[in-house]
Structure formats: C-alpha cells, structure tokens
Amino acid sequence: MIVKDGLLSFGNHEAEKKEKVEGFKHGENIYKVSTYKEATRLEKNEELVLETVPGTTIHDFNKKDDLSYVSFGIEGFPNSTIITVQLEEDSIYRITAGKDSLGSMKSNISGKIKFSVDLKTPKHIVIEKA
C-alpha cells in the first residue's frame, strides 16, 4: 500500500498468491488490503471500502468522509471486473468510467453498490452522490 498526496494505491492483479497488508495506519484509520489475481479487497477500520473480482491494481483512491464522492484509477486483466463499493445506504450515485457514463445506481440497504467495467485498458472511475 502506498500513500501519495493523501491518496491510497494498492492491489496487485498479477499476484498468484494472496498478499496482505494489515494494520496500515493512515490518518486516524487502520487499513487492511488483501489482493491477488482472483480478488482485491480494501477495509478501513474492519469495514469494507472496496472489493473487485477478479483482482485489480488501484491507483490514487480517494473517498470523501461524507461518502459523496469516490474516485480511483483501476487496471487489471482485459475482461469484465465487478466492483463493490461501500457508501451511504439508500442513496443515488452517478458512476463514470473514463469518458463513459455507467448511469445512476441506488445503494442497497447496507450502503453497497455493485457494477462492472471492462478493463481492456486502465480506467478512471468516479462515483458521485446525485
């Protein structure tokens, strides 16, 4: 896990064996990353932040504390990748992947949204509360 300008970069979609970073302190929070080619998962204070299946490499992850905005670069294998993000429950979010709008999505009762992107090329994902 790398922190640059307050943004997190993590994951390794090419790892054959599971790699973990536990107890990584950033600000007042404790992070845990688990990653390999099958899945990448980021937790903050023992709660899900982001998960991808299959695994990915995430760059410059930025999530506002008020859950109104998330952005990150993502790269992985050239196929469809399912992304799960923990946000505010029962809220509407607009999602873009690069220049493409993926539309709006309502988070479920536990605050999760799930969507997929094709990673033939690296993408920049932006999720904004509508």
N, C-alpha and C. Protein backbone atom coordinates (compact mmCIF):
# COMPACT_ATOMS: atom_id res chain seq x y z
N MET A 1 0.86 -1.16 0.00
CA MET A 1 0.00 0.00 0.00
C MET A 1 0.90 1.23 0.00
N ILE A 2 0.56 2.19 -0.85
CA ILE A 2 1.34 3.42 -0.99
C ILE A 2 0.41 4.61 -0.77
N VAL A 3 0.88 5.61 -0.05
CA VAL A 3 0.15 6.85 0.13
C VAL A 3 0.95 7.96 -0.53
N LYS A 4 0.30 8.67 -1.46
CA LYS A 4 0.94 9.80 -2.12
C LYS A 4 -0.08 10.92 -2.21
N ASP A 5 0.27 12.08 -1.70
CA ASP A 5 -0.64 13.23 -1.68
C ASP A 5 -1.96 12.90 -1.00
N GLY A 6 -1.93 12.04 0.01
CA GLY A 6 -3.13 11.67 0.75
C GLY A 6 -4.00 10.62 0.09
N LEU A 7 -3.61 10.12 -1.08
CA LEU A 7 -4.38 9.13 -1.83
C LEU A 7 -3.73 7.75 -1.70
N LEU A 8 -4.55 6.71 -1.64
CA LEU A 8 -4.06 5.34 -1.48
C LEU A 8 -3.93 4.64 -2.82
N SER A 9 -2.86 3.89 -2.97
CA SER A 9 -2.69 2.99 -4.12
C SER A 9 -2.38 1.61 -3.55
N PHE A 10 -3.04 0.59 -4.10
CA PHE A 10 -2.92 -0.75 -3.54
C PHE A 10 -3.37 -1.79 -4.55
N GLY A 11 -3.11 -3.05 -4.22
CA GLY A 11 -3.56 -4.17 -5.05
C GLY A 11 -2.49 -4.62 -6.02
N ASN A 12 -2.62 -5.88 -6.43
CA ASN A 12 -1.71 -6.47 -7.41
C ASN A 12 -2.47 -7.56 -8.15
N HIS A 13 -3.03 -7.20 -9.29
CA HIS A 13 -3.87 -8.15 -10.05
C HIS A 13 -3.06 -9.28 -10.68
N GLU A 14 -1.73 -9.21 -10.63
CA GLU A 14 -0.90 -10.26 -11.21
C GLU A 14 -0.38 -11.25 -10.17
N ALA A 15 -0.65 -11.02 -8.90
CA ALA A 15 -0.14 -11.90 -7.83
C ALA A 15 -0.80 -13.27 -7.89
N GLU A 16 -0.01 -14.30 -7.93
CA GLU A 16 -0.52 -15.68 -7.95
C GLU A 16 -1.00 -16.12 -6.58
N LYS A 17 -0.33 -15.63 -5.53
CA LYS A 17 -0.70 -15.98 -4.16
C LYS A 17 -1.21 -14.73 -3.46
N LYS A 18 -2.12 -14.93 -2.51
CA LYS A 18 -2.71 -13.82 -1.79
C LYS A 18 -1.64 -13.03 -1.03
N GLU A 19 -1.69 -11.71 -1.21
CA GLU A 19 -0.81 -10.79 -0.50
C GLU A 19 -1.67 -9.97 0.45
N LYS A 20 -1.17 -9.73 1.67
CA LYS A 20 -1.93 -8.96 2.65
C LYS A 20 -1.07 -7.87 3.26
N VAL A 21 -1.70 -6.75 3.52
CA VAL A 21 -1.12 -5.68 4.32
C VAL A 21 -2.15 -5.40 5.39
N GLU A 22 -1.79 -5.62 6.66
CA GLU A 22 -2.72 -5.41 7.76
C GLU A 22 -2.16 -4.37 8.71
N GLY A 23 -3.06 -3.61 9.32
CA GLY A 23 -2.63 -2.65 10.33
C GLY A 23 -1.93 -1.43 9.75
N PHE A 24 -2.22 -1.08 8.49
CA PHE A 24 -1.61 0.08 7.86
C PHE A 24 -2.35 1.33 8.34
N LYS A 25 -1.64 2.21 9.03
CA LYS A 25 -2.27 3.40 9.59
C LYS A 25 -2.11 4.57 8.63
N HIS A 26 -3.23 5.24 8.35
CA HIS A 26 -3.26 6.44 7.51
C HIS A 26 -4.23 7.41 8.17
N GLY A 27 -3.72 8.52 8.66
CA GLY A 27 -4.56 9.42 9.44
C GLY A 27 -4.95 8.72 10.73
N GLU A 28 -6.22 8.77 11.05
CA GLU A 28 -6.72 8.11 12.26
C GLU A 28 -7.30 6.74 11.96
N ASN A 29 -7.12 6.24 10.76
CA ASN A 29 -7.74 4.99 10.34
C ASN A 29 -6.71 3.88 10.18
N ILE A 30 -7.19 2.64 10.35
CA ILE A 30 -6.37 1.45 10.15
C ILE A 30 -6.92 0.71 8.92
N TYR A 31 -6.04 0.44 7.96
CA TYR A 31 -6.44 -0.20 6.71
C TYR A 31 -5.90 -1.63 6.63
N LYS A 32 -6.61 -2.42 5.85
CA LYS A 32 -6.19 -3.78 5.54
C LYS A 32 -6.45 -4.01 4.05
N VAL A 33 -5.46 -4.56 3.36
CA VAL A 33 -5.60 -4.89 1.95
C VAL A 33 -5.29 -6.37 1.77
N SER A 34 -6.12 -7.04 1.00
CA SER A 34 -5.90 -8.42 0.59
C SER A 34 -6.02 -8.43 -0.93
N THR A 35 -5.02 -8.98 -1.61
CA THR A 35 -5.05 -8.90 -3.07
C THR A 35 -4.35 -10.10 -3.71
N TYR A 36 -4.86 -10.51 -4.83
CA TYR A 36 -4.22 -11.45 -5.75
C TYR A 36 -5.07 -11.47 -7.00
N LYS A 37 -4.72 -12.33 -7.96
CA LYS A 37 -5.39 -12.26 -9.25
C LYS A 37 -6.90 -12.54 -9.18
N GLU A 38 -7.37 -13.21 -8.13
CA GLU A 38 -8.79 -13.55 -8.02
C GLU A 38 -9.64 -12.45 -7.38
N ALA A 39 -9.06 -11.62 -6.49
CA ALA A 39 -9.83 -10.58 -5.80
C ALA A 39 -8.90 -9.58 -5.15
N THR A 40 -9.39 -8.35 -5.03
CA THR A 40 -8.70 -7.30 -4.26
C THR A 40 -9.73 -6.70 -3.33
N ARG A 41 -9.34 -6.52 -2.05
CA ARG A 41 -10.27 -6.02 -1.04
C ARG A 41 -9.56 -5.02 -0.14
N LEU A 42 -10.21 -3.87 0.07
CA LEU A 42 -9.72 -2.84 0.98
C LEU A 42 -10.73 -2.67 2.10
N GLU A 43 -10.22 -2.72 3.34
CA GLU A 43 -11.05 -2.46 4.51
C GLU A 43 -10.46 -1.30 5.28
N LYS A 44 -11.34 -0.50 5.89
CA LYS A 44 -10.93 0.59 6.76
C LYS A 44 -11.60 0.39 8.10
N ASN A 45 -10.81 0.29 9.15
CA ASN A 45 -11.34 0.06 10.50
C ASN A 45 -12.28 -1.15 10.53
N GLU A 46 -11.85 -2.21 9.84
CA GLU A 46 -12.53 -3.51 9.78
C GLU A 46 -13.86 -3.49 9.04
N GLU A 47 -14.09 -2.46 8.20
CA GLU A 47 -15.30 -2.40 7.38
C GLU A 47 -14.92 -2.31 5.91
N LEU A 48 -15.69 -2.97 5.06
CA LEU A 48 -15.44 -2.96 3.62
C LEU A 48 -15.44 -1.54 3.08
N VAL A 49 -14.47 -1.24 2.23
CA VAL A 49 -14.43 0.02 1.49
C VAL A 49 -14.64 -0.29 0.02
N LEU A 50 -13.86 -1.25 -0.51
CA LEU A 50 -13.91 -1.58 -1.94
C LEU A 50 -13.48 -3.02 -2.13
N GLU A 51 -14.13 -3.70 -3.08
CA GLU A 51 -13.72 -5.05 -3.45
C GLU A 51 -13.88 -5.20 -4.95
N THR A 52 -12.91 -5.88 -5.58
CA THR A 52 -13.02 -6.17 -7.01
C THR A 52 -12.81 -7.66 -7.25
N VAL A 53 -13.56 -8.19 -8.20
CA VAL A 53 -13.43 -9.59 -8.61
C VAL A 53 -13.47 -9.60 -10.12
N PRO A 54 -12.41 -10.08 -10.78
CA PRO A 54 -11.14 -10.56 -10.24
C PRO A 54 -10.34 -9.41 -9.66
N GLY A 55 -9.13 -9.75 -9.17
CA GLY A 55 -8.27 -8.77 -8.53
C GLY A 55 -7.83 -7.67 -9.49
N THR A 56 -7.53 -6.51 -8.92
CA THR A 56 -7.11 -5.35 -9.71
C THR A 56 -5.98 -4.63 -8.98
N THR A 57 -5.43 -3.65 -9.67
CA THR A 57 -4.49 -2.71 -9.07
C THR A 57 -5.19 -1.36 -9.05
N ILE A 58 -5.26 -0.73 -7.89
CA ILE A 58 -5.97 0.53 -7.69
C ILE A 58 -4.96 1.64 -7.47
N HIS A 59 -5.18 2.77 -8.15
CA HIS A 59 -4.28 3.92 -8.04
C HIS A 59 -5.06 5.14 -7.54
N ASP A 60 -4.44 5.91 -6.67
CA ASP A 60 -4.96 7.21 -6.23
C ASP A 60 -6.41 7.14 -5.74
N PHE A 61 -6.67 6.18 -4.85
CA PHE A 61 -8.01 6.01 -4.30
C PHE A 61 -8.36 7.18 -3.38
N ASN A 62 -9.50 7.81 -3.65
CA ASN A 62 -9.95 8.97 -2.90
C ASN A 62 -11.43 8.79 -2.55
N LYS A 63 -11.74 8.76 -1.28
CA LYS A 63 -13.12 8.62 -0.83
C LYS A 63 -13.38 9.67 0.24
N LYS A 64 -14.32 10.57 -0.03
CA LYS A 64 -14.64 11.61 0.94
C LYS A 64 -15.31 11.00 2.16
N ASP A 65 -15.02 11.56 3.31
CA ASP A 65 -15.59 11.04 4.55
C ASP A 65 -17.11 11.10 4.57
N ASP A 66 -17.71 12.07 3.87
CA ASP A 66 -19.18 12.18 3.87
C ASP A 66 -19.83 11.24 2.84
N LEU A 67 -19.02 10.39 2.18
CA LEU A 67 -19.47 9.38 1.22
C LEU A 67 -20.13 9.96 -0.03
N SER A 68 -19.86 11.24 -0.33
CA SER A 68 -20.47 11.87 -1.50
C SER A 68 -19.64 11.70 -2.77
N TYR A 69 -18.39 11.22 -2.64
CA TYR A 69 -17.50 11.18 -3.79
C TYR A 69 -16.42 10.11 -3.59
N VAL A 70 -16.21 9.31 -4.65
CA VAL A 70 -15.13 8.32 -4.68
C VAL A 70 -14.51 8.40 -6.06
N SER A 71 -13.17 8.35 -6.12
CA SER A 71 -12.50 8.27 -7.43
C SER A 71 -11.26 7.40 -7.29
N PHE A 72 -10.90 6.73 -8.38
CA PHE A 72 -9.69 5.90 -8.40
C PHE A 72 -9.38 5.45 -9.81
N GLY A 73 -8.11 5.20 -10.05
CA GLY A 73 -7.69 4.56 -11.28
C GLY A 73 -7.69 3.05 -11.04
N ILE A 74 -8.01 2.29 -12.07
CA ILE A 74 -8.08 0.84 -11.92
C ILE A 74 -7.51 0.17 -13.16
N GLU A 75 -6.73 -0.88 -12.93
CA GLU A 75 -6.24 -1.70 -14.04
C GLU A 75 -6.29 -3.15 -13.61
N GLY A 76 -6.41 -4.00 -14.61
CA GLY A 76 -6.50 -5.42 -14.34
C GLY A 76 -6.45 -6.20 -15.63
N PHE A 77 -6.93 -7.43 -15.56
CA PHE A 77 -6.95 -8.27 -16.74
C PHE A 77 -8.03 -7.79 -17.71
N PRO A 78 -7.84 -8.01 -19.02
CA PRO A 78 -8.77 -7.47 -20.02
C PRO A 78 -10.09 -8.24 -20.08
N ASN A 79 -10.87 -8.10 -19.04
CA ASN A 79 -12.20 -8.71 -19.01
C ASN A 79 -13.07 -7.89 -18.08
N SER A 80 -14.28 -8.33 -17.89
CA SER A 80 -15.21 -7.63 -17.02
C SER A 80 -14.82 -7.82 -15.56
N THR A 81 -14.76 -6.73 -14.84
CA THR A 81 -14.41 -6.74 -13.42
C THR A 81 -15.59 -6.20 -12.62
N ILE A 82 -15.99 -6.92 -11.61
CA ILE A 82 -17.09 -6.49 -10.73
C ILE A 82 -16.49 -5.69 -9.58
N ILE A 83 -17.03 -4.49 -9.38
CA ILE A 83 -16.56 -3.59 -8.34
C ILE A 83 -17.68 -3.38 -7.33
N THR A 84 -17.37 -3.57 -6.06
CA THR A 84 -18.31 -3.31 -4.97
C THR A 84 -17.71 -2.20 -4.12
N VAL A 85 -18.52 -1.16 -3.84
CA VAL A 85 -18.07 -0.03 -3.03
C VAL A 85 -19.07 0.20 -1.91
N GLN A 86 -18.55 0.41 -0.70
CA GLN A 86 -19.40 0.72 0.45
C GLN A 86 -19.61 2.22 0.52
N LEU A 87 -20.88 2.65 0.47
CA LEU A 87 -21.23 4.07 0.51
C LEU A 87 -22.36 4.28 1.51
N GLU A 88 -23.10 5.35 1.34
CA GLU A 88 -24.24 5.63 2.22
C GLU A 88 -25.44 4.80 1.77
N GLU A 89 -26.16 4.24 2.73
CA GLU A 89 -27.28 3.38 2.39
C GLU A 89 -28.42 4.18 1.74
N ASP A 90 -29.11 3.48 0.83
CA ASP A 90 -30.33 4.00 0.21
C ASP A 90 -30.13 5.38 -0.44
N SER A 91 -29.03 5.52 -1.18
CA SER A 91 -28.71 6.80 -1.84
C SER A 91 -28.42 6.55 -3.32
N ILE A 92 -28.60 7.60 -4.13
CA ILE A 92 -28.37 7.51 -5.57
C ILE A 92 -26.96 8.05 -5.89
N TYR A 93 -26.22 7.30 -6.72
CA TYR A 93 -24.87 7.68 -7.14
C TYR A 93 -24.75 7.62 -8.66
N ARG A 94 -24.05 8.61 -9.24
CA ARG A 94 -23.71 8.60 -10.67
C ARG A 94 -22.32 8.00 -10.81
N ILE A 95 -22.14 7.14 -11.80
CA ILE A 95 -20.86 6.44 -11.98
C ILE A 95 -20.35 6.69 -13.39
N THR A 96 -19.05 7.06 -13.48
CA THR A 96 -18.41 7.17 -14.78
C THR A 96 -17.12 6.34 -14.77
N ALA A 97 -16.81 5.81 -15.94
CA ALA A 97 -15.57 5.05 -16.14
C ALA A 97 -14.87 5.69 -17.33
N GLY A 98 -13.87 6.51 -17.05
CA GLY A 98 -13.25 7.28 -18.12
C GLY A 98 -14.26 8.29 -18.63
N LYS A 99 -14.46 8.32 -19.93
CA LYS A 99 -15.44 9.25 -20.54
C LYS A 99 -16.83 8.65 -20.61
N ASP A 100 -16.98 7.38 -20.22
CA ASP A 100 -18.26 6.69 -20.35
C ASP A 100 -19.08 6.78 -19.08
N SER A 101 -20.33 7.20 -19.22
CA SER A 101 -21.25 7.19 -18.09
C SER A 101 -21.81 5.78 -17.93
N LEU A 102 -21.78 5.28 -16.72
CA LEU A 102 -22.39 3.98 -16.43
C LEU A 102 -23.79 4.17 -15.86
N GLY A 103 -24.24 5.42 -15.80
CA GLY A 103 -25.58 5.73 -15.32
C GLY A 103 -25.61 5.95 -13.82
N SER A 104 -26.82 5.91 -13.28
CA SER A 104 -27.03 6.10 -11.85
C SER A 104 -27.40 4.79 -11.20
N MET A 105 -27.07 4.67 -9.94
CA MET A 105 -27.34 3.44 -9.20
C MET A 105 -27.72 3.79 -7.77
N LYS A 106 -28.68 3.07 -7.24
CA LYS A 106 -29.09 3.27 -5.85
C LYS A 106 -28.38 2.24 -4.98
N SER A 107 -27.76 2.72 -3.91
CA SER A 107 -27.10 1.80 -2.98
C SER A 107 -28.17 1.00 -2.24
N ASN A 108 -27.79 -0.19 -1.82
CA ASN A 108 -28.76 -1.04 -1.13
C ASN A 108 -28.88 -0.63 0.34
N ILE A 109 -29.65 -1.38 1.09
CA ILE A 109 -29.93 -1.04 2.48
C ILE A 109 -28.68 -1.04 3.36
N SER A 110 -27.64 -1.77 2.92
CA SER A 110 -26.39 -1.76 3.68
C SER A 110 -25.38 -0.76 3.11
N GLY A 111 -25.78 -0.03 2.07
CA GLY A 111 -24.93 1.02 1.50
C GLY A 111 -24.01 0.59 0.38
N LYS A 112 -24.14 -0.61 -0.12
CA LYS A 112 -23.24 -1.08 -1.17
C LYS A 112 -23.82 -0.81 -2.56
N ILE A 113 -22.90 -0.50 -3.48
CA ILE A 113 -23.25 -0.51 -4.90
C ILE A 113 -22.30 -1.49 -5.57
N LYS A 114 -22.80 -2.10 -6.63
CA LYS A 114 -22.01 -3.09 -7.36
C LYS A 114 -22.22 -2.84 -8.85
N PHE A 115 -21.10 -2.76 -9.59
CA PHE A 115 -21.17 -2.54 -11.03
C PHE A 115 -19.96 -3.19 -11.68
N SER A 116 -19.97 -3.30 -12.99
CA SER A 116 -18.84 -3.92 -13.68
C SER A 116 -18.27 -2.98 -14.73
N VAL A 117 -16.98 -3.13 -14.97
CA VAL A 117 -16.29 -2.38 -16.01
C VAL A 117 -15.40 -3.34 -16.79
N ASP A 118 -15.20 -3.03 -18.05
CA ASP A 118 -14.29 -3.80 -18.91
C ASP A 118 -12.92 -3.16 -18.81
N LEU A 119 -11.91 -3.92 -18.46
CA LEU A 119 -10.57 -3.38 -18.25
C LEU A 119 -9.61 -3.72 -19.38
N LYS A 120 -10.08 -3.64 -20.63
CA LYS A 120 -9.17 -3.81 -21.76
C LYS A 120 -8.09 -2.74 -21.70
N THR A 121 -8.44 -1.58 -21.18
CA THR A 121 -7.48 -0.50 -20.90
C THR A 121 -7.75 -0.01 -19.48
N PRO A 122 -6.74 0.55 -18.82
CA PRO A 122 -6.98 1.10 -17.47
C PRO A 122 -8.06 2.18 -17.52
N LYS A 123 -8.81 2.30 -16.44
CA LYS A 123 -9.93 3.25 -16.38
C LYS A 123 -9.77 4.15 -15.16
N HIS A 124 -10.42 5.31 -15.22
CA HIS A 124 -10.54 6.18 -14.06
C HIS A 124 -12.03 6.18 -13.68
N ILE A 125 -12.32 5.73 -12.48
CA ILE A 125 -13.70 5.61 -12.01
C ILE A 125 -14.02 6.81 -11.12
N VAL A 126 -15.20 7.39 -11.32
CA VAL A 126 -15.71 8.46 -10.46
C VAL A 126 -17.12 8.08 -10.05
N ILE A 127 -17.39 8.13 -8.75
CA ILE A 127 -18.71 7.85 -8.19
C ILE A 127 -19.11 9.08 -7.39
N GLU A 128 -20.23 9.72 -7.79
CA GLU A 128 -20.67 10.94 -7.12
C GLU A 128 -22.11 10.81 -6.68
N LYS A 129 -22.40 11.28 -5.49
CA LYS A 129 -23.77 11.26 -4.98
C LYS A 129 -24.61 12.22 -5.81
N ALA A 130 -25.76 11.74 -6.26
CA ALA A 130 -26.64 12.56 -7.10
C ALA A 130 -27.42 13.56 -6.28
